[in-house]
N, C-alpha and C. Protein backbone atom coordinates (compact mmCIF):
# COMPACT_ATOMS: atom_id res chain seq x y z
N MET A 1 38.25 -97.72 -86.46
CA MET A 1 37.22 -97.47 -85.33
C MET A 1 37.74 -97.37 -83.94
N LYS A 2 38.85 -97.64 -83.69
CA LYS A 2 39.58 -97.65 -82.61
C LYS A 2 39.83 -96.00 -82.42
N LYS A 3 39.88 -95.28 -83.42
CA LYS A 3 40.08 -93.64 -83.08
C LYS A 3 38.83 -93.26 -82.67
N TRP A 4 37.82 -93.69 -83.32
CA TRP A 4 36.40 -93.14 -82.75
C TRP A 4 36.00 -93.51 -81.43
N MET A 5 36.65 -94.69 -80.96
CA MET A 5 36.24 -94.94 -79.44
C MET A 5 36.91 -93.90 -78.54
N TYR A 6 37.95 -93.57 -78.96
CA TYR A 6 38.65 -92.49 -78.05
C TYR A 6 37.71 -91.08 -77.89
N VAL A 7 37.35 -90.86 -79.18
CA VAL A 7 36.45 -89.59 -79.17
C VAL A 7 35.16 -89.69 -78.44
N ILE A 8 34.61 -90.97 -78.70
CA ILE A 8 33.24 -91.28 -78.35
C ILE A 8 33.29 -91.53 -76.76
N SER A 9 34.27 -92.17 -76.08
CA SER A 9 34.23 -92.24 -74.90
C SER A 9 34.56 -90.94 -74.07
N VAL A 10 35.50 -90.19 -74.69
CA VAL A 10 35.63 -88.67 -73.98
C VAL A 10 34.57 -87.95 -74.27
N GLY A 11 33.74 -87.97 -75.40
CA GLY A 11 32.67 -87.21 -75.67
C GLY A 11 31.44 -87.45 -74.65
N SER A 12 31.32 -88.85 -74.52
CA SER A 12 30.33 -89.25 -73.70
C SER A 12 30.60 -88.92 -72.18
N MET A 13 31.71 -88.94 -71.86
CA MET A 13 32.12 -88.64 -70.38
C MET A 13 32.11 -87.15 -70.34
N LEU A 14 32.28 -86.35 -71.44
CA LEU A 14 32.21 -85.08 -71.43
C LEU A 14 30.60 -84.66 -71.19
N ALA A 15 29.77 -85.23 -72.00
CA ALA A 15 28.36 -85.11 -71.91
C ALA A 15 27.85 -85.41 -70.60
N ILE A 16 28.36 -86.73 -69.97
CA ILE A 16 27.92 -86.88 -68.58
C ILE A 16 28.38 -85.95 -67.67
N PHE A 17 29.64 -85.36 -67.76
CA PHE A 17 30.43 -84.48 -66.94
C PHE A 17 29.55 -83.14 -67.20
N LEU A 18 29.17 -82.82 -68.24
CA LEU A 18 28.38 -81.61 -68.48
C LEU A 18 26.97 -81.43 -67.93
N ALA A 19 26.44 -82.68 -68.10
CA ALA A 19 24.97 -82.92 -67.61
C ALA A 19 25.01 -82.63 -65.86
N PHE A 20 26.17 -83.32 -65.46
CA PHE A 20 26.10 -83.27 -63.81
C PHE A 20 26.47 -81.93 -63.49
N TYR A 21 27.51 -81.27 -64.31
CA TYR A 21 27.89 -80.04 -63.92
C TYR A 21 26.76 -78.95 -64.07
N PHE A 22 26.07 -78.97 -65.02
CA PHE A 22 25.08 -77.99 -65.22
C PHE A 22 23.98 -78.07 -64.01
N SER A 23 23.54 -79.54 -63.91
CA SER A 23 22.88 -79.60 -62.86
C SER A 23 23.00 -79.21 -61.45
N GLU A 24 24.42 -79.48 -61.11
CA GLU A 24 25.12 -79.17 -59.91
C GLU A 24 25.20 -77.65 -60.09
N THR A 25 25.59 -76.97 -61.01
CA THR A 25 25.89 -75.62 -61.09
C THR A 25 24.41 -74.96 -60.68
N LYS A 26 23.25 -75.47 -61.33
CA LYS A 26 21.95 -74.87 -61.02
C LYS A 26 21.66 -75.02 -59.67
N LYS A 27 21.96 -76.27 -59.16
CA LYS A 27 21.76 -76.52 -57.76
C LYS A 27 22.59 -75.41 -56.81
N HIS A 28 23.78 -75.27 -57.22
CA HIS A 28 24.73 -74.49 -56.63
C HIS A 28 24.24 -73.07 -56.62
N GLU A 29 23.77 -72.54 -57.83
CA GLU A 29 23.29 -71.23 -57.98
C GLU A 29 22.04 -71.07 -57.21
N GLU A 30 21.11 -72.22 -57.36
CA GLU A 30 19.87 -72.09 -56.24
C GLU A 30 20.31 -72.02 -55.03
N LYS A 31 21.21 -72.74 -54.50
CA LYS A 31 21.78 -72.66 -53.06
C LYS A 31 22.42 -71.38 -52.75
N GLU A 32 23.16 -70.62 -53.82
CA GLU A 32 23.82 -69.34 -53.55
C GLU A 32 22.45 -68.30 -53.56
N HIS A 33 21.60 -68.53 -54.15
CA HIS A 33 20.46 -67.58 -54.37
C HIS A 33 19.73 -67.57 -53.20
N GLN A 34 19.52 -68.91 -52.51
CA GLN A 34 18.73 -69.08 -51.16
C GLN A 34 19.61 -68.34 -50.29
N ARG A 35 20.97 -68.84 -50.02
CA ARG A 35 21.86 -68.12 -49.21
C ARG A 35 21.86 -66.61 -49.25
N ALA A 36 21.79 -66.11 -50.45
CA ALA A 36 22.01 -64.66 -50.80
C ALA A 36 20.58 -64.13 -49.97
N LEU A 37 19.45 -64.73 -50.54
CA LEU A 37 18.11 -64.35 -49.98
C LEU A 37 18.17 -64.52 -48.33
N LYS A 38 18.72 -65.41 -47.75
CA LYS A 38 18.65 -65.59 -46.49
C LYS A 38 19.78 -64.65 -45.77
N VAL A 39 20.87 -64.40 -46.47
CA VAL A 39 21.70 -63.33 -45.91
C VAL A 39 21.02 -62.02 -45.88
N ALA A 40 20.36 -61.75 -47.10
CA ALA A 40 19.73 -60.33 -47.34
C ALA A 40 18.62 -60.44 -46.25
N ALA A 41 17.65 -61.29 -46.09
CA ALA A 41 16.77 -61.35 -45.09
C ALA A 41 17.34 -61.22 -43.53
N GLN A 42 18.35 -62.03 -43.31
CA GLN A 42 19.03 -61.90 -42.00
C GLN A 42 19.70 -60.45 -41.92
N LYS A 43 20.28 -59.82 -42.82
CA LYS A 43 20.64 -58.60 -42.93
C LYS A 43 19.53 -57.46 -42.70
N ALA A 44 18.54 -57.77 -43.22
CA ALA A 44 17.30 -57.06 -43.15
C ALA A 44 16.60 -56.96 -41.76
N ALA A 45 16.76 -58.29 -41.11
CA ALA A 45 16.16 -58.30 -39.87
C ALA A 45 17.09 -57.81 -39.11
N ASP A 46 18.51 -57.89 -39.10
CA ASP A 46 19.40 -57.25 -38.20
C ASP A 46 19.55 -55.79 -38.52
N ASP A 47 19.10 -55.36 -39.65
CA ASP A 47 18.91 -53.76 -39.77
C ASP A 47 17.72 -53.38 -39.14
N ALA A 48 16.59 -54.26 -39.20
CA ALA A 48 15.26 -53.91 -38.59
C ALA A 48 15.58 -54.02 -37.14
N HIS A 49 16.26 -54.94 -36.59
CA HIS A 49 16.74 -54.84 -35.11
C HIS A 49 17.50 -53.92 -34.76
N LYS A 50 18.42 -53.38 -35.62
CA LYS A 50 19.29 -52.47 -35.18
C LYS A 50 18.62 -50.93 -35.23
N ALA A 51 17.69 -50.95 -36.21
CA ALA A 51 16.86 -49.75 -36.29
C ALA A 51 16.06 -49.59 -35.02
N GLN A 52 15.49 -50.77 -34.62
CA GLN A 52 14.50 -50.87 -33.63
C GLN A 52 15.39 -50.40 -32.28
N ILE A 53 16.52 -51.12 -32.06
CA ILE A 53 17.43 -50.77 -31.05
C ILE A 53 17.73 -49.21 -30.87
N GLU A 54 18.10 -48.72 -32.09
CA GLU A 54 18.39 -47.32 -32.13
C GLU A 54 17.14 -46.58 -31.88
N ALA A 55 16.03 -46.80 -32.47
CA ALA A 55 14.83 -45.99 -32.03
C ALA A 55 14.57 -46.13 -30.60
N ALA A 56 14.69 -47.27 -29.96
CA ALA A 56 14.43 -47.38 -28.61
C ALA A 56 15.46 -46.63 -27.96
N ALA A 57 16.68 -46.68 -28.18
CA ALA A 57 17.83 -45.91 -27.46
C ALA A 57 17.43 -44.35 -27.68
N ARG A 58 16.96 -44.12 -28.93
CA ARG A 58 16.83 -42.63 -29.23
C ARG A 58 15.69 -42.07 -28.23
N ALA A 59 14.69 -42.93 -28.42
CA ALA A 59 13.47 -42.62 -27.41
C ALA A 59 13.79 -42.68 -25.96
N ASP A 60 14.68 -43.43 -25.50
CA ASP A 60 15.30 -43.55 -24.32
C ASP A 60 15.83 -42.20 -24.03
N ALA A 61 16.85 -41.74 -24.81
CA ALA A 61 17.62 -40.75 -24.69
C ALA A 61 16.81 -39.47 -24.69
N GLU A 62 15.65 -39.47 -25.55
CA GLU A 62 14.80 -38.16 -25.68
C GLU A 62 13.92 -38.15 -24.32
N LYS A 63 13.55 -39.46 -23.73
CA LYS A 63 12.96 -39.48 -22.49
C LYS A 63 13.79 -39.02 -21.38
N ARG A 64 14.95 -39.54 -21.10
CA ARG A 64 15.90 -38.94 -20.18
C ARG A 64 16.25 -37.57 -20.35
N ALA A 65 16.61 -37.12 -21.64
CA ALA A 65 16.66 -35.66 -22.00
C ALA A 65 15.34 -34.86 -21.38
N ALA A 66 14.38 -35.28 -21.82
CA ALA A 66 12.95 -34.62 -21.24
C ALA A 66 12.84 -34.84 -19.79
N GLU A 67 13.26 -35.88 -19.15
CA GLU A 67 13.19 -35.99 -17.81
C GLU A 67 14.13 -34.95 -17.10
N ARG A 68 15.23 -34.95 -17.61
CA ARG A 68 16.52 -34.00 -16.99
C ARG A 68 15.97 -32.64 -17.21
N ALA A 69 15.34 -32.32 -18.57
CA ALA A 69 14.96 -30.85 -18.70
C ALA A 69 13.80 -30.76 -17.71
N ALA A 70 12.79 -31.57 -17.57
CA ALA A 70 11.78 -31.49 -16.55
C ALA A 70 12.24 -31.25 -15.13
N ALA A 71 13.26 -32.10 -14.90
CA ALA A 71 13.80 -31.90 -13.46
C ALA A 71 14.65 -30.42 -13.30
N GLU A 72 15.35 -30.07 -14.54
CA GLU A 72 15.83 -28.80 -14.17
C GLU A 72 15.01 -27.72 -14.30
N ALA A 73 13.85 -27.86 -15.11
CA ALA A 73 12.77 -26.75 -14.87
C ALA A 73 12.06 -26.82 -13.72
N LYS A 74 12.01 -28.22 -13.04
CA LYS A 74 11.42 -28.12 -11.53
C LYS A 74 12.28 -27.51 -10.40
N LYS A 75 13.49 -27.76 -10.85
CA LYS A 75 14.65 -27.30 -9.84
C LYS A 75 14.74 -25.77 -9.84
N GLU A 76 14.55 -25.31 -11.16
CA GLU A 76 14.55 -23.80 -11.49
C GLU A 76 13.37 -23.08 -10.83
N ALA A 77 12.33 -24.03 -11.09
CA ALA A 77 11.04 -23.15 -10.73
C ALA A 77 11.04 -23.28 -8.79
N ASP A 78 11.44 -24.43 -8.37
CA ASP A 78 11.67 -24.27 -7.04
C ASP A 78 12.53 -23.35 -6.50
N ARG A 79 13.72 -23.26 -7.21
CA ARG A 79 14.65 -22.09 -6.68
C ARG A 79 14.10 -20.68 -6.90
N LEU A 80 13.20 -20.46 -7.83
CA LEU A 80 12.60 -19.08 -8.15
C LEU A 80 11.54 -18.95 -7.04
N GLU A 81 10.76 -20.08 -6.77
CA GLU A 81 9.81 -20.01 -5.76
C GLU A 81 10.25 -19.81 -4.45
N LYS A 82 11.40 -20.33 -4.06
CA LYS A 82 12.15 -20.07 -2.88
C LYS A 82 12.48 -18.60 -2.70
N TRP A 83 13.21 -18.38 -3.77
CA TRP A 83 13.54 -16.89 -4.01
C TRP A 83 12.50 -15.81 -3.71
N GLN A 84 11.41 -16.11 -4.42
CA GLN A 84 10.28 -15.32 -4.36
C GLN A 84 9.62 -15.27 -3.06
N ALA A 85 9.67 -16.40 -2.11
CA ALA A 85 9.14 -16.83 -0.94
C ALA A 85 10.04 -15.91 0.10
N ILE A 86 11.33 -15.84 -0.25
CA ILE A 86 12.35 -15.13 0.78
C ILE A 86 12.17 -13.80 0.39
N GLY A 87 11.77 -13.38 -0.76
CA GLY A 87 11.47 -11.90 -1.15
C GLY A 87 10.23 -11.50 -0.49
N ARG A 88 9.36 -12.40 -0.62
CA ARG A 88 7.94 -11.83 0.18
C ARG A 88 8.15 -11.80 1.63
N GLU A 89 8.98 -12.68 2.24
CA GLU A 89 9.32 -12.60 3.64
C GLU A 89 9.90 -11.49 4.23
N ILE A 90 10.99 -11.08 3.31
CA ILE A 90 11.75 -10.04 3.58
C ILE A 90 10.84 -8.60 3.46
N GLN A 91 9.83 -8.51 2.34
CA GLN A 91 8.95 -7.57 2.10
C GLN A 91 7.95 -7.47 3.22
N ALA A 92 7.47 -8.38 3.75
CA ALA A 92 6.56 -8.36 4.76
C ALA A 92 7.43 -7.93 6.18
N ASP A 93 8.61 -8.29 6.56
CA ASP A 93 9.28 -7.91 7.56
C ASP A 93 9.64 -6.30 7.37
N THR A 94 9.98 -5.96 6.09
CA THR A 94 10.15 -4.45 6.00
C THR A 94 8.91 -3.86 6.21
N ASP A 95 7.74 -4.20 5.75
CA ASP A 95 6.41 -3.34 5.88
C ASP A 95 6.39 -3.21 7.45
N LYS A 96 6.41 -4.59 8.01
CA LYS A 96 6.11 -4.62 9.40
C LYS A 96 7.03 -3.41 10.13
N PHE A 97 8.36 -3.59 9.82
CA PHE A 97 9.26 -2.61 10.65
C PHE A 97 9.16 -1.22 10.28
N ASN A 98 8.71 -1.05 8.88
CA ASN A 98 8.13 0.40 8.54
C ASN A 98 7.26 0.87 9.31
N ALA A 99 6.04 -0.12 9.42
CA ALA A 99 4.99 0.29 10.41
C ALA A 99 5.30 0.67 11.65
N ASP A 100 5.96 -0.22 12.45
CA ASP A 100 6.45 -0.02 13.61
C ASP A 100 7.48 1.38 13.72
N ALA A 101 8.19 1.59 12.68
CA ALA A 101 8.90 2.70 12.83
C ALA A 101 8.08 4.03 12.67
N ASP A 102 6.96 3.97 11.77
CA ASP A 102 6.01 5.00 11.78
C ASP A 102 5.36 5.22 12.94
N ARG A 103 4.86 4.05 13.72
CA ARG A 103 4.14 4.12 14.93
C ARG A 103 5.17 4.90 15.89
N SER A 104 6.26 4.32 15.99
CA SER A 104 7.30 4.92 16.96
C SER A 104 7.59 6.21 16.65
N ALA A 105 7.70 6.61 15.34
CA ALA A 105 7.90 8.18 14.94
C ALA A 105 6.61 8.95 15.46
N LYS A 106 5.59 8.48 15.24
CA LYS A 106 4.26 9.19 15.52
C LYS A 106 4.19 9.33 17.08
N ARG A 107 4.53 8.30 17.99
CA ARG A 107 4.58 8.20 19.35
C ARG A 107 5.45 9.27 19.67
N ALA A 108 6.85 9.18 19.24
CA ALA A 108 8.00 9.98 19.50
C ALA A 108 7.45 11.62 19.27
N SER A 109 6.72 11.83 18.32
CA SER A 109 6.31 13.23 18.02
C SER A 109 5.14 13.58 18.93
N ASP A 110 4.24 12.57 19.30
CA ASP A 110 3.27 12.99 20.45
C ASP A 110 3.87 13.19 21.73
N LEU A 111 4.85 12.39 22.09
CA LEU A 111 5.65 12.43 23.29
C LEU A 111 6.45 13.84 23.26
N GLU A 112 6.87 14.32 22.13
CA GLU A 112 7.62 15.51 21.99
C GLU A 112 6.54 16.73 22.31
N VAL A 113 5.32 16.68 21.73
CA VAL A 113 4.30 17.49 21.94
C VAL A 113 4.04 17.72 23.34
N GLN A 114 3.75 16.37 24.00
CA GLN A 114 3.39 16.29 25.46
C GLN A 114 4.55 16.97 26.21
N LEU A 115 5.91 16.81 25.91
CA LEU A 115 6.99 17.23 26.41
C LEU A 115 7.00 18.70 26.53
N SER A 116 6.90 19.25 25.42
CA SER A 116 6.85 20.78 25.11
C SER A 116 5.65 21.38 25.85
N ALA A 117 4.55 20.63 25.85
CA ALA A 117 3.41 21.30 26.83
C ALA A 117 3.71 21.01 28.27
N LEU A 118 4.37 20.03 28.65
CA LEU A 118 4.60 19.99 30.16
C LEU A 118 5.89 20.95 30.52
N ARG A 119 6.84 21.35 29.61
CA ARG A 119 7.79 22.24 29.70
C ARG A 119 7.27 23.62 29.93
N ALA A 120 6.15 23.82 28.94
CA ALA A 120 5.48 25.13 29.03
C ALA A 120 4.66 25.44 30.35
N GLU A 121 4.10 24.26 30.64
CA GLU A 121 3.27 24.33 32.07
C GLU A 121 4.38 24.41 33.07
N LYS A 122 5.54 23.70 33.17
CA LYS A 122 6.36 23.79 34.26
C LYS A 122 6.83 25.19 34.35
N GLU A 123 7.20 25.90 33.00
CA GLU A 123 7.52 27.19 33.09
C GLU A 123 6.68 28.23 33.92
N LYS A 124 5.44 27.95 33.24
CA LYS A 124 4.16 28.81 33.91
C LYS A 124 4.30 28.70 35.33
N LEU A 125 4.07 27.21 35.77
CA LEU A 125 4.19 26.99 37.34
C LEU A 125 5.19 27.52 38.06
N ASN A 126 6.39 27.60 37.38
CA ASN A 126 7.66 28.23 38.11
C ASN A 126 7.50 29.59 38.00
N ARG A 127 7.02 30.33 37.00
CA ARG A 127 6.52 31.75 37.20
C ARG A 127 5.57 32.02 38.33
N GLU A 128 4.54 31.23 38.27
CA GLU A 128 3.46 31.32 39.15
C GLU A 128 4.11 31.21 40.69
N ALA A 129 4.92 30.10 40.80
CA ALA A 129 5.56 29.82 42.40
C ALA A 129 6.55 31.11 42.37
N PHE A 130 7.20 31.65 41.65
CA PHE A 130 8.11 32.76 41.84
C PHE A 130 7.30 34.06 42.03
N GLU A 131 6.24 34.12 41.24
CA GLU A 131 5.40 35.27 41.55
C GLU A 131 4.69 35.28 43.03
N LEU A 132 4.37 33.78 43.51
CA LEU A 132 3.68 33.76 44.73
C LEU A 132 4.74 33.97 45.80
N ALA A 133 6.02 33.49 45.57
CA ALA A 133 7.07 33.72 46.45
C ALA A 133 7.36 35.09 46.73
N LYS A 134 7.36 35.93 45.32
CA LYS A 134 7.57 37.32 45.54
C LYS A 134 6.59 37.94 46.17
N GLN A 135 5.29 37.54 45.91
CA GLN A 135 4.09 38.09 46.77
C GLN A 135 4.48 37.93 48.29
N VAL A 136 4.63 36.69 48.52
CA VAL A 136 4.74 36.28 50.10
C VAL A 136 5.68 37.30 50.72
N GLU A 137 6.91 37.37 49.88
CA GLU A 137 8.20 38.13 50.33
C GLU A 137 7.87 39.69 50.52
N GLN A 138 6.86 40.15 49.48
CA GLN A 138 6.54 41.47 49.43
C GLN A 138 5.41 41.57 50.86
N GLY A 139 4.84 40.62 51.19
CA GLY A 139 3.82 40.58 52.14
C GLY A 139 4.61 40.71 53.50
N LYS A 140 5.78 40.01 53.59
CA LYS A 140 6.72 39.77 54.91
C LYS A 140 7.23 41.27 55.01
N ILE A 141 7.58 41.92 53.77
CA ILE A 141 8.25 43.20 53.85
C ILE A 141 7.20 44.19 54.22
N ALA A 142 6.04 44.07 53.69
CA ALA A 142 4.97 45.03 54.10
C ALA A 142 4.65 44.90 55.57
N ARG A 143 4.54 43.59 56.08
CA ARG A 143 4.26 43.57 57.57
C ARG A 143 5.25 44.12 58.30
N ARG A 144 6.61 43.70 58.00
CA ARG A 144 7.68 44.42 58.59
C ARG A 144 7.66 45.90 58.59
N THR A 145 7.21 46.42 57.41
CA THR A 145 7.36 47.73 57.28
C THR A 145 6.16 48.37 58.20
N ALA A 146 5.03 47.62 58.10
CA ALA A 146 3.84 48.05 58.96
C ALA A 146 4.15 47.84 60.28
N GLU A 147 4.80 46.84 60.77
CA GLU A 147 5.20 46.84 62.17
C GLU A 147 6.09 47.88 62.74
N LEU A 148 7.09 48.01 61.86
CA LEU A 148 8.00 49.34 61.99
C LEU A 148 7.27 50.81 62.11
N GLU A 149 6.23 50.79 61.22
CA GLU A 149 5.43 51.96 61.25
C GLU A 149 4.54 51.95 62.60
N ILE A 150 4.04 50.90 62.92
CA ILE A 150 3.30 50.80 64.11
C ILE A 150 4.09 51.19 65.28
N GLN A 151 5.40 50.64 65.63
CA GLN A 151 6.23 50.84 66.41
C GLN A 151 6.74 52.30 66.43
N ARG A 152 6.91 52.90 65.26
CA ARG A 152 7.28 54.16 65.23
C ARG A 152 6.08 55.25 65.75
N ALA A 153 4.91 54.57 65.10
CA ALA A 153 3.65 55.52 65.44
C ALA A 153 3.40 55.41 67.02
N THR A 154 3.71 54.22 67.55
CA THR A 154 3.51 53.99 69.13
C THR A 154 4.73 54.76 69.72
N ALA A 155 5.79 54.84 69.35
CA ALA A 155 6.80 55.56 69.93
C ALA A 155 6.47 57.05 69.86
N MET A 156 6.09 57.55 68.66
CA MET A 156 5.66 58.88 68.82
C MET A 156 4.53 59.23 69.72
N ILE A 157 3.49 58.29 69.62
CA ILE A 157 2.51 58.69 70.43
C ILE A 157 2.96 58.43 71.97
N ALA A 158 3.88 57.40 72.30
CA ALA A 158 4.21 57.48 73.60
C ALA A 158 5.04 58.87 73.99
N ALA A 159 5.90 59.30 73.13
CA ALA A 159 6.63 60.39 73.29
C ALA A 159 5.81 61.62 73.39
N LYS A 160 4.91 61.72 72.64
CA LYS A 160 3.75 62.83 72.77
C LYS A 160 3.15 62.63 74.19
N ALA A 161 2.73 61.64 74.34
CA ALA A 161 2.05 61.34 75.63
C ALA A 161 2.84 61.73 76.83
N ALA A 162 4.17 61.49 76.70
CA ALA A 162 5.11 61.38 77.74
C ALA A 162 5.46 63.09 77.90
N GLN A 163 5.32 63.66 76.87
CA GLN A 163 5.35 65.12 76.76
C GLN A 163 4.26 65.78 77.14
N SER A 164 3.23 65.30 77.17
CA SER A 164 1.86 65.81 77.35
C SER A 164 1.80 66.15 79.01
N SER A 165 1.19 67.17 79.09
CA SER A 165 0.93 67.47 80.65
C SER A 165 -0.19 66.60 81.36
N LEU A 166 -0.90 65.85 80.73
CA LEU A 166 -1.81 64.88 81.21
C LEU A 166 -1.22 63.71 81.61
N ALA A 167 -0.11 63.47 81.18
CA ALA A 167 0.48 62.05 81.52
C ALA A 167 1.31 62.32 82.77
N HIS A 168 1.43 63.62 83.27
CA HIS A 168 2.21 63.86 84.45
C HIS A 168 1.38 64.03 85.71
N ALA A 169 1.73 63.60 86.69
CA ALA A 169 0.65 63.84 87.85
C ALA A 169 0.98 65.28 88.24
N PRO A 170 0.09 65.97 88.79
CA PRO A 170 0.36 67.23 89.11
C PRO A 170 0.98 67.43 90.51
């Protein structure tokens, strides 16, 4: 029986060990399973949080990109509006100066017409003045000629009267 005591004591200890081992293994597996679930839940929460942060970052980046695009579009629109305003101002100045040039050209042509009319009138007045001066000179010449004719006629009459017998006393 002594032999069996070794087998029974070792067998019973093995049985007790196996009972504790299997119960602890089950507890350990349960703990590992709980820990794995916890890790999976934590990983899922972390992934969800990471996805949420990435989504927020993406939304923020899209918002900034949209704001940047809007700012660039506004800047471009302002630049274009400024360019068009300058173009309209230049066009208005050009139109005004063209209108002034047209008025000046019309006034210059009117003044040219007046100048040519005044030159023609001056030429006509110069001719009339020359004709009048010519007539005055011809009148002076005619008067002088008439005076000389009168003097000659008077001298002839005086000579005839001096030669006549009536002019001498008997």
